[in-house]
């Protein structure tokens, strides 16, 4: 992940609305918004115009600096920014400048990082100090507080009492204590659960399937190893959920798992003989009788072709010969299960045409469906 600092400014129309809209779009298109500074009102810099309202925002992103520039320019245009002549200042609905990208120094025709004027502008350094004052810049080798003290800009800034909105508040997951992300093999359960935990401060519960010695053997000889595989999964998932769900983390807002208790039954029904499944189901019901159920059950649907592509890309040797028909049966098993779960809150999300790992907008669009 890359840490970036952006400077936002507006002096046209409803400046607070423009700044809030810009931050919301940065959250949706660029990355996780970690910090938002107070807003400062100050005179226009370099030309005569109405006062500007300025702030600084810190984000984490997977995008390159050039990709961030493309996104921010697109956001400016979407919010009414009119292209300006090179080298000339003008009033604007919204202005977004990239100040810092990690501790990198970048100089290309359309982009210079650190921003060439950031040390000369009090309206940039003051809000930057508010959110990162004691942080030492790897580029300037000084703290931002020290850089502000050295700034020769003597313009007056007025700190505003009104704060900007946190964009994450637009997706309220506060109603949930426990979210389970489910899906077929290769659907992206672990990736989505991990991303959710980082962005929404959730306790992450990941299935420990990599430690299962029967899994590679099952793919080679399914008839022989189906029952010991499913029994080992049953015991391991039960113990893990018992441990993790029973231990609340006061510093986390909710729990997010990349599997649900019923996963064992769904796979067992596909892999086991009828007599074996009856015994297995009885044991499952006895073990999980008192286990809490998720407040939200999310099923990520992907078509079989996309699943096979994902499985190939992640390169696990024991998965290379998975039969497409097996994936179809697992998917149908999930759908049959969901149809009969009237007590669960279920969201089925088709992600066959989405890439939420590489495309921030896809990730946000999926999470918005949880609400």
Protein backbone atom coordinates (compact mmCIF):
# COMPACT_ATOMS: atom_id res chain seq x y z
CA UNK A 1 0.00 0.00 0.00
CA UNK A 2 1.13 3.54 -0.75
CA UNK A 3 0.66 6.48 1.63
CA UNK A 4 -0.28 9.72 -0.10
CA UNK A 5 -1.11 13.24 1.00
CA UNK A 6 -3.44 15.41 -1.07
CA UNK A 7 -4.25 19.10 -0.77
CA UNK A 8 -7.84 20.11 -1.53
CA UNK A 9 -9.14 23.63 -2.13
CA UNK A 10 -12.30 25.39 -3.24
CA UNK A 11 -13.48 29.02 -3.55
CA UNK A 12 -16.58 28.69 -5.73
CA UNK A 13 -20.15 27.88 -4.77
CA UNK A 14 -20.66 25.74 -1.68
CA UNK A 15 -17.02 24.99 -0.89
CA UNK A 16 -17.81 22.57 1.94
CA UNK A 17 -20.03 20.56 -0.35
CA UNK A 18 -17.32 20.47 -3.02
CA UNK A 19 -14.70 19.34 -0.51
CA UNK A 20 -16.98 16.67 0.96
CA UNK A 21 -17.89 15.39 -2.49
CA UNK A 22 -14.24 15.28 -3.49
CA UNK A 23 -13.27 13.29 -0.40
CA UNK A 24 -16.13 10.85 -0.97
CA UNK A 25 -14.97 10.26 -4.56
CA UNK A 26 -11.36 9.88 -3.43
CA UNK A 27 -12.58 7.19 -1.01
CA UNK A 28 -14.48 5.44 -3.78
CA UNK A 29 -11.88 5.70 -6.54
CA UNK A 30 -8.43 6.15 -5.00
CA UNK A 31 -8.14 4.52 -1.58
CA UNK A 32 -8.87 4.37 2.11
CA UNK A 33 -9.09 7.83 3.68
CA UNK A 34 -7.02 7.67 6.87
CA UNK A 35 -7.05 11.28 8.05
CA UNK A 36 -8.81 14.54 7.18
CA UNK A 37 -7.46 17.84 8.46
CA UNK A 38 -9.54 20.77 9.69
CA UNK A 39 -10.58 23.25 7.00
CA UNK A 40 -8.79 26.60 6.81
CA UNK A 41 -10.08 29.74 5.17
CA UNK A 42 -7.48 31.98 3.58
CA UNK A 43 -6.81 34.47 0.82
CA UNK A 44 -6.24 33.26 -2.72
CA UNK A 45 -2.59 32.53 -3.47
CA UNK A 46 -1.03 34.20 -6.53
CA UNK A 47 -4.12 36.01 -7.82
CA UNK A 48 -7.05 38.17 -6.68
CA UNK A 49 -10.18 36.09 -5.97
CA UNK A 50 -12.62 35.09 -3.20
CA UNK A 51 -11.11 33.31 -0.19
CA UNK A 52 -10.28 29.62 -0.47
CA UNK A 53 -11.25 26.80 1.85
CA UNK A 54 -8.39 24.30 2.09
CA UNK A 55 -7.64 20.98 3.76
CA UNK A 56 -5.21 18.07 3.51
CA UNK A 57 -6.16 14.39 3.31
CA UNK A 58 -4.08 11.27 3.91
CA UNK A 59 -4.97 8.11 1.98
CA UNK A 60 -3.66 4.61 1.41
CA UNK A 61 -3.86 3.36 -2.15
CA UNK A 62 -2.67 0.56 -4.41
CA UNK A 63 -2.52 2.98 -7.36
CA UNK A 64 0.68 4.35 -8.85
CA UNK A 65 1.30 8.11 -8.63
CA UNK A 66 0.37 8.50 -12.29
CA UNK A 67 -2.87 6.61 -11.72
CA UNK A 68 -3.66 8.80 -8.71
CA UNK A 69 -3.16 11.87 -10.92
CA UNK A 70 -5.57 10.52 -13.54
CA UNK A 71 -8.17 9.78 -10.85
CA UNK A 72 -7.87 13.18 -9.18
CA UNK A 73 -8.14 15.00 -12.50
CA UNK A 74 -11.24 12.96 -13.29
CA UNK A 75 -12.77 13.87 -9.92
CA UNK A 76 -12.02 17.56 -10.50
CA UNK A 77 -13.72 17.42 -13.89
CA UNK A 78 -16.72 15.53 -12.49
CA UNK A 79 -17.17 18.19 -9.79
CA UNK A 80 -17.14 21.06 -12.26
CA UNK A 81 -13.47 22.01 -12.52
CA UNK A 82 -12.76 23.85 -15.76
CA UNK A 83 -9.33 23.26 -17.27
CA UNK A 84 -7.00 26.16 -16.66
CA UNK A 85 -4.21 27.57 -18.75
CA UNK A 86 -0.78 26.27 -17.81
CA UNK A 87 0.95 28.54 -15.30
CA UNK A 88 -2.13 30.66 -14.54
CA UNK A 89 -4.20 30.60 -11.36
CA UNK A 90 -7.98 30.82 -11.30
CA UNK A 91 -10.99 30.34 -9.05
CA UNK A 92 -12.35 26.84 -8.99
CA UNK A 93 -15.03 24.57 -7.54
CA UNK A 94 -12.39 22.05 -6.55
CA UNK A 95 -8.64 21.71 -6.80
CA UNK A 96 -6.76 18.53 -5.84
CA UNK A 97 -2.97 18.48 -5.69
CA UNK A 98 -0.77 15.49 -4.92
CA UNK A 99 1.66 16.62 -2.24
CA UNK A 100 3.49 13.43 -1.33
CA UNK A 101 3.55 9.82 -2.53
CA UNK A 102 5.34 7.72 0.08
CA UNK A 103 8.82 9.25 0.22
CA UNK A 104 9.22 9.13 -3.55
CA UNK A 105 10.60 11.83 -5.79
CA UNK A 106 8.80 11.85 -9.12
CA UNK A 107 9.29 14.22 -12.01
CA UNK A 108 7.54 13.68 -15.32
CA UNK A 109 5.91 16.08 -17.74
CA UNK A 110 2.54 16.16 -15.96
CA UNK A 111 3.54 15.41 -12.38
CA UNK A 112 6.09 16.55 -9.83
CA UNK A 113 6.23 15.00 -6.36
CA UNK A 114 6.76 16.43 -3.80
CA UNK A 115 4.55 19.25 -5.06
CA UNK A 116 6.86 22.07 -6.12
CA UNK A 117 5.03 24.75 -4.09
CA UNK A 118 4.08 22.83 -0.94
CA UNK A 119 6.86 24.32 1.22
CA UNK A 120 5.88 27.85 0.17
CA UNK A 121 2.21 27.61 1.08
CA UNK A 122 0.98 27.97 4.63
CA UNK A 123 -2.49 26.77 3.59
CA UNK A 124 -0.84 23.45 2.68
CA UNK A 125 1.60 23.05 5.55
CA UNK A 126 -0.75 24.06 8.38
CA UNK A 127 -3.41 21.40 7.71
CA UNK A 128 -0.63 18.91 6.96
CA UNK A 129 0.82 19.60 10.42
CA UNK A 130 -2.60 19.02 11.97
CA UNK A 131 -2.64 15.40 10.78
CA UNK A 132 1.08 14.56 10.59
CA UNK A 133 2.96 17.25 12.50
CA UNK A 134 5.54 15.03 14.21
CA UNK A 135 6.02 12.76 11.22
CA UNK A 136 9.47 13.01 9.64
CA UNK A 137 9.34 13.45 5.90
CA UNK A 138 11.64 11.02 4.16
CA UNK A 139 11.97 13.52 1.35
CA UNK A 140 12.78 16.66 3.35
CA UNK A 141 14.33 14.87 6.38
CA UNK A 142 12.44 17.14 8.77
CA UNK A 143 9.14 16.99 10.58
CA UNK A 144 6.22 18.82 9.04
CA UNK A 145 6.15 21.05 12.12
CA UNK A 146 9.71 22.11 11.37
CA UNK A 147 8.84 22.74 7.73
CA UNK A 148 5.93 24.96 8.79
CA UNK A 149 8.19 26.99 11.09
CA UNK A 150 10.54 27.58 8.17
CA UNK A 151 7.76 28.64 5.78
CA UNK A 152 8.06 32.26 4.63
CA UNK A 153 4.39 32.57 3.68
CA UNK A 154 2.87 35.00 6.18
CA UNK A 155 -0.72 34.80 4.98
CA UNK A 156 -3.46 34.55 7.60
CA UNK A 157 -5.46 31.35 7.95
CA UNK A 158 -8.73 31.01 9.85
CA UNK A 159 -9.44 27.55 11.18
CA UNK A 160 -13.08 26.63 10.59
CA UNK A 161 -15.22 25.08 13.31
CA UNK A 162 -17.10 22.89 10.84
CA UNK A 163 -15.45 19.57 10.01
CA UNK A 164 -15.66 17.61 6.79
CA UNK A 165 -17.48 14.28 6.70
CA UNK A 166 -15.65 10.98 6.97
CA UNK A 167 -16.49 9.10 3.76
CA UNK A 168 -16.51 5.75 5.51
CA UNK A 169 -19.59 6.97 7.39
CA UNK A 170 -21.52 6.64 4.12
CA UNK A 171 -21.23 2.86 4.56
CA UNK A 172 -22.59 2.10 8.01
CA UNK A 173 -21.76 -1.43 9.10
CA UNK A 174 -22.46 -0.63 12.72
CA UNK A 175 -25.50 -2.91 12.80
CA UNK A 176 -23.31 -5.99 12.44
CA UNK A 177 -21.24 -7.80 15.05
CA UNK A 178 -20.31 -10.70 12.80
CA UNK A 179 -20.12 -10.83 8.98
CA UNK A 180 -19.39 -14.04 7.09
CA UNK A 181 -18.07 -13.87 3.51
CA UNK A 182 -18.79 -17.03 1.57
CA UNK A 183 -18.38 -18.28 -1.97
CA UNK A 184 -17.04 -21.03 -4.18
CA UNK A 185 -13.39 -22.03 -4.46
CA UNK A 186 -11.50 -19.06 -5.94
CA UNK A 187 -14.36 -16.57 -5.53
CA UNK A 188 -12.25 -14.09 -3.52
CA UNK A 189 -13.62 -14.64 0.00
CA UNK A 190 -10.31 -14.22 1.76
CA UNK A 191 -9.33 -11.16 -0.28
CA UNK A 192 -12.62 -9.39 0.44
CA UNK A 193 -12.65 -10.31 4.15
CA UNK A 194 -9.07 -9.07 4.51
CA UNK A 195 -9.82 -5.79 2.76
CA UNK A 196 -12.92 -5.27 4.91
CA UNK A 197 -11.01 -5.91 8.10
CA UNK A 198 -8.34 -3.33 7.24
CA UNK A 199 -10.70 -0.64 6.06
CA UNK A 200 -13.52 -1.03 8.57
CA UNK A 201 -11.51 -2.04 11.65
CA UNK A 202 -12.83 -5.60 11.90
CA UNK A 203 -11.36 -8.63 13.63
CA UNK A 204 -10.33 -10.96 10.80
CA UNK A 205 -11.08 -14.69 10.99
CA UNK A 206 -9.49 -16.71 8.18
CA UNK A 207 -9.98 -20.39 7.48
CA UNK A 208 -6.83 -22.42 8.16
CA UNK A 209 -7.23 -24.68 5.17
CA UNK A 210 -3.53 -24.47 4.20
CA UNK A 211 -2.64 -26.61 7.23
CA UNK A 212 -4.96 -29.46 6.24
CA UNK A 213 -2.87 -32.49 5.16
CA UNK A 214 -5.83 -34.21 3.52
CA UNK A 215 -6.60 -31.45 1.01
CA UNK A 216 -3.93 -32.26 -1.63
CA UNK A 217 -4.72 -35.97 -1.26
CA UNK A 218 -8.44 -35.31 -1.74
CA UNK A 219 -7.91 -33.63 -5.11
CA UNK A 220 -5.87 -36.67 -6.25
CA UNK A 221 -8.18 -39.34 -4.80
CA UNK A 222 -11.54 -37.77 -3.84
CA UNK A 223 -13.38 -41.01 -3.08
CA UNK A 224 -10.70 -42.20 -0.69
CA UNK A 225 -10.04 -38.98 1.18
CA UNK A 226 -13.41 -37.20 1.16
CA UNK A 227 -14.55 -38.35 4.61
CA UNK A 228 -11.27 -37.73 6.53
CA UNK A 229 -10.97 -34.37 4.76
CA UNK A 230 -14.46 -33.24 5.74
CA UNK A 231 -14.08 -34.53 9.30
CA UNK A 232 -10.80 -32.67 9.75
CA UNK A 233 -12.38 -29.50 8.37
CA UNK A 234 -15.35 -29.93 10.69
CA UNK A 235 -13.14 -30.19 13.77
CA UNK A 236 -10.79 -27.40 12.76
CA UNK A 237 -13.49 -24.92 11.74
CA UNK A 238 -15.42 -25.60 14.93
CA UNK A 239 -12.37 -25.05 17.15
CA UNK A 240 -11.32 -21.91 15.32
CA UNK A 241 -14.78 -20.32 15.37
CA UNK A 242 -15.19 -21.27 19.03
CA UNK A 243 -11.90 -19.56 19.86
CA UNK A 244 -12.24 -16.48 17.66
CA UNK A 245 -15.92 -15.68 18.14
CA UNK A 246 -15.64 -16.22 21.87
CA UNK A 247 -12.78 -13.74 22.25
CA UNK A 248 -14.04 -10.23 21.63
CA UNK A 249 -11.52 -7.59 20.68
CA UNK A 250 -12.40 -4.30 22.35
CA UNK A 251 -10.38 -2.41 19.75
CA UNK A 252 -12.29 -3.83 16.77
CA UNK A 253 -15.78 -2.80 15.61
CA UNK A 254 -16.98 -6.25 14.46
CA UNK A 255 -15.79 -9.67 13.27
CA UNK A 256 -15.36 -10.67 9.65
CA UNK A 257 -14.74 -14.27 8.56
CA UNK A 258 -13.97 -15.74 5.15
CA UNK A 259 -16.14 -18.80 5.86
CA UNK A 260 -19.27 -19.79 7.73
CA UNK A 261 -20.12 -22.79 9.90
CA UNK A 262 -22.46 -24.19 7.23
CA UNK A 263 -19.64 -24.41 4.69
CA UNK A 264 -18.78 -27.83 6.08
CA UNK A 265 -22.26 -29.16 5.33
CA UNK A 266 -22.34 -27.71 1.82
CA UNK A 267 -19.05 -29.31 0.79
CA UNK A 268 -19.77 -32.54 2.64
CA UNK A 269 -23.05 -33.01 0.78
CA UNK A 270 -21.17 -32.83 -2.53
CA UNK A 271 -18.19 -35.00 -1.57
CA UNK A 272 -19.58 -37.67 0.78
CA UNK A 273 -21.64 -40.79 0.22
CA UNK A 274 -25.21 -40.59 1.54
CA UNK A 275 -24.56 -42.69 4.68
CA UNK A 276 -21.43 -40.71 5.45
CA UNK A 277 -23.25 -37.42 5.00
CA UNK A 278 -26.06 -38.42 7.40
CA UNK A 279 -23.49 -39.19 10.13
CA UNK A 280 -21.54 -36.04 9.30
CA UNK A 281 -24.65 -33.83 9.50
CA UNK A 282 -25.57 -35.29 12.90
CA UNK A 283 -22.12 -34.49 14.27
CA UNK A 284 -22.26 -30.99 12.75
CA UNK A 285 -25.59 -30.24 14.43
CA UNK A 286 -24.34 -31.44 17.80
CA UNK A 287 -21.14 -29.39 17.65
CA UNK A 288 -22.58 -26.13 16.37
CA UNK A 289 -25.81 -26.10 18.39
CA UNK A 290 -24.78 -23.15 20.57
CA UNK A 291 -22.49 -21.40 18.12
CA UNK A 292 -23.45 -17.79 17.23
CA UNK A 293 -24.55 -17.17 13.66
CA UNK A 294 -23.47 -14.23 11.49
CA UNK A 295 -25.59 -11.08 11.42
CA UNK A 296 -24.84 -10.87 7.69
CA UNK A 297 -24.09 -13.75 5.31
CA UNK A 298 -22.54 -12.59 2.02
CA UNK A 299 -22.30 -15.02 -0.90
CA UNK A 300 -19.92 -14.00 -3.68
CA UNK A 301 -21.07 -15.55 -6.92
CA UNK A 302 -18.69 -16.00 -9.83
CA UNK A 303 -19.28 -18.02 -12.96
CA UNK A 304 -17.25 -21.21 -13.35
CA UNK A 305 -15.02 -19.83 -16.10
CA UNK A 306 -13.93 -16.95 -13.88
CA UNK A 307 -13.42 -19.28 -10.91
CA UNK A 308 -11.11 -21.51 -12.94
CA UNK A 309 -9.17 -18.45 -14.07
CA UNK A 310 -8.75 -17.26 -10.46
CA UNK A 311 -7.69 -20.73 -9.31
CA UNK A 312 -5.08 -20.89 -12.08
CA UNK A 313 -3.74 -17.43 -11.24
CA UNK A 314 -3.21 -18.18 -7.55
CA UNK A 315 -1.18 -21.22 -8.52
CA UNK A 316 -1.85 -23.77 -5.80
CA UNK A 317 -0.49 -27.04 -7.16
CA UNK A 318 -3.13 -29.25 -5.53
CA UNK A 319 -5.94 -27.20 -7.14
CA UNK A 320 -4.68 -27.35 -10.73
CA UNK A 321 -6.89 -30.31 -11.72
CA UNK A 322 -10.17 -29.16 -10.16
CA UNK A 323 -13.09 -30.36 -12.25
CA UNK A 324 -15.48 -27.60 -13.46
CA UNK A 325 -18.39 -29.90 -12.64
CA UNK A 326 -17.22 -30.03 -9.02
CA UNK A 327 -17.33 -26.22 -8.87
CA UNK A 328 -20.83 -26.25 -10.37
CA UNK A 329 -22.00 -28.68 -7.70
CA UNK A 330 -20.49 -26.57 -4.91
CA UNK A 331 -22.21 -23.45 -6.28
CA UNK A 332 -25.55 -25.23 -6.48
CA UNK A 333 -25.02 -26.50 -2.94
CA UNK A 334 -24.60 -22.94 -1.70
CA UNK A 335 -27.68 -21.73 -3.57
CA UNK A 336 -29.80 -24.61 -2.23
CA UNK A 337 -28.61 -23.84 1.28
CA UNK A 338 -29.35 -20.12 0.97
CA UNK A 339 -32.90 -20.77 -0.27
CA UNK A 340 -33.74 -22.48 3.02
CA UNK A 341 -32.08 -20.02 5.40
CA UNK A 342 -34.99 -17.77 6.33
CA UNK A 343 -33.37 -16.83 9.67
CA UNK A 344 -30.18 -15.44 8.08
CA UNK A 345 -29.73 -12.05 6.47
CA UNK A 346 -28.22 -13.03 3.11
CA UNK A 347 -26.73 -10.93 0.33
CA UNK A 348 -25.92 -12.67 -2.96
CA UNK A 349 -23.53 -10.50 -4.97
CA UNK A 350 -22.55 -11.38 -8.54
CA UNK A 351 -18.90 -10.42 -8.92
CA UNK A 352 -18.26 -12.25 -12.21
CA UNK A 353 -17.56 -8.97 -14.02
CA UNK A 354 -15.88 -7.21 -11.08
CA UNK A 355 -12.31 -7.07 -9.82
CA UNK A 356 -12.51 -5.61 -6.33
CA UNK A 357 -8.82 -6.25 -5.61
CA UNK A 358 -7.52 -4.13 -8.48
CA UNK A 359 -10.47 -1.77 -8.89
CA UNK A 360 -11.31 0.36 -5.87
CA UNK A 361 -14.73 1.31 -7.25
CA UNK A 362 -15.72 -2.36 -7.48
CA UNK A 363 -14.75 -2.90 -3.84
CA UNK A 364 -16.79 0.07 -2.64
CA UNK A 365 -19.80 -0.94 -4.78
CA UNK A 366 -19.77 -4.41 -3.19
CA UNK A 367 -19.53 -3.14 0.38
CA UNK A 368 -22.35 -0.64 -0.22
CA UNK A 369 -24.62 -3.63 -0.87
CA UNK A 370 -24.08 -4.81 2.70
CA UNK A 371 -26.12 -1.91 4.06
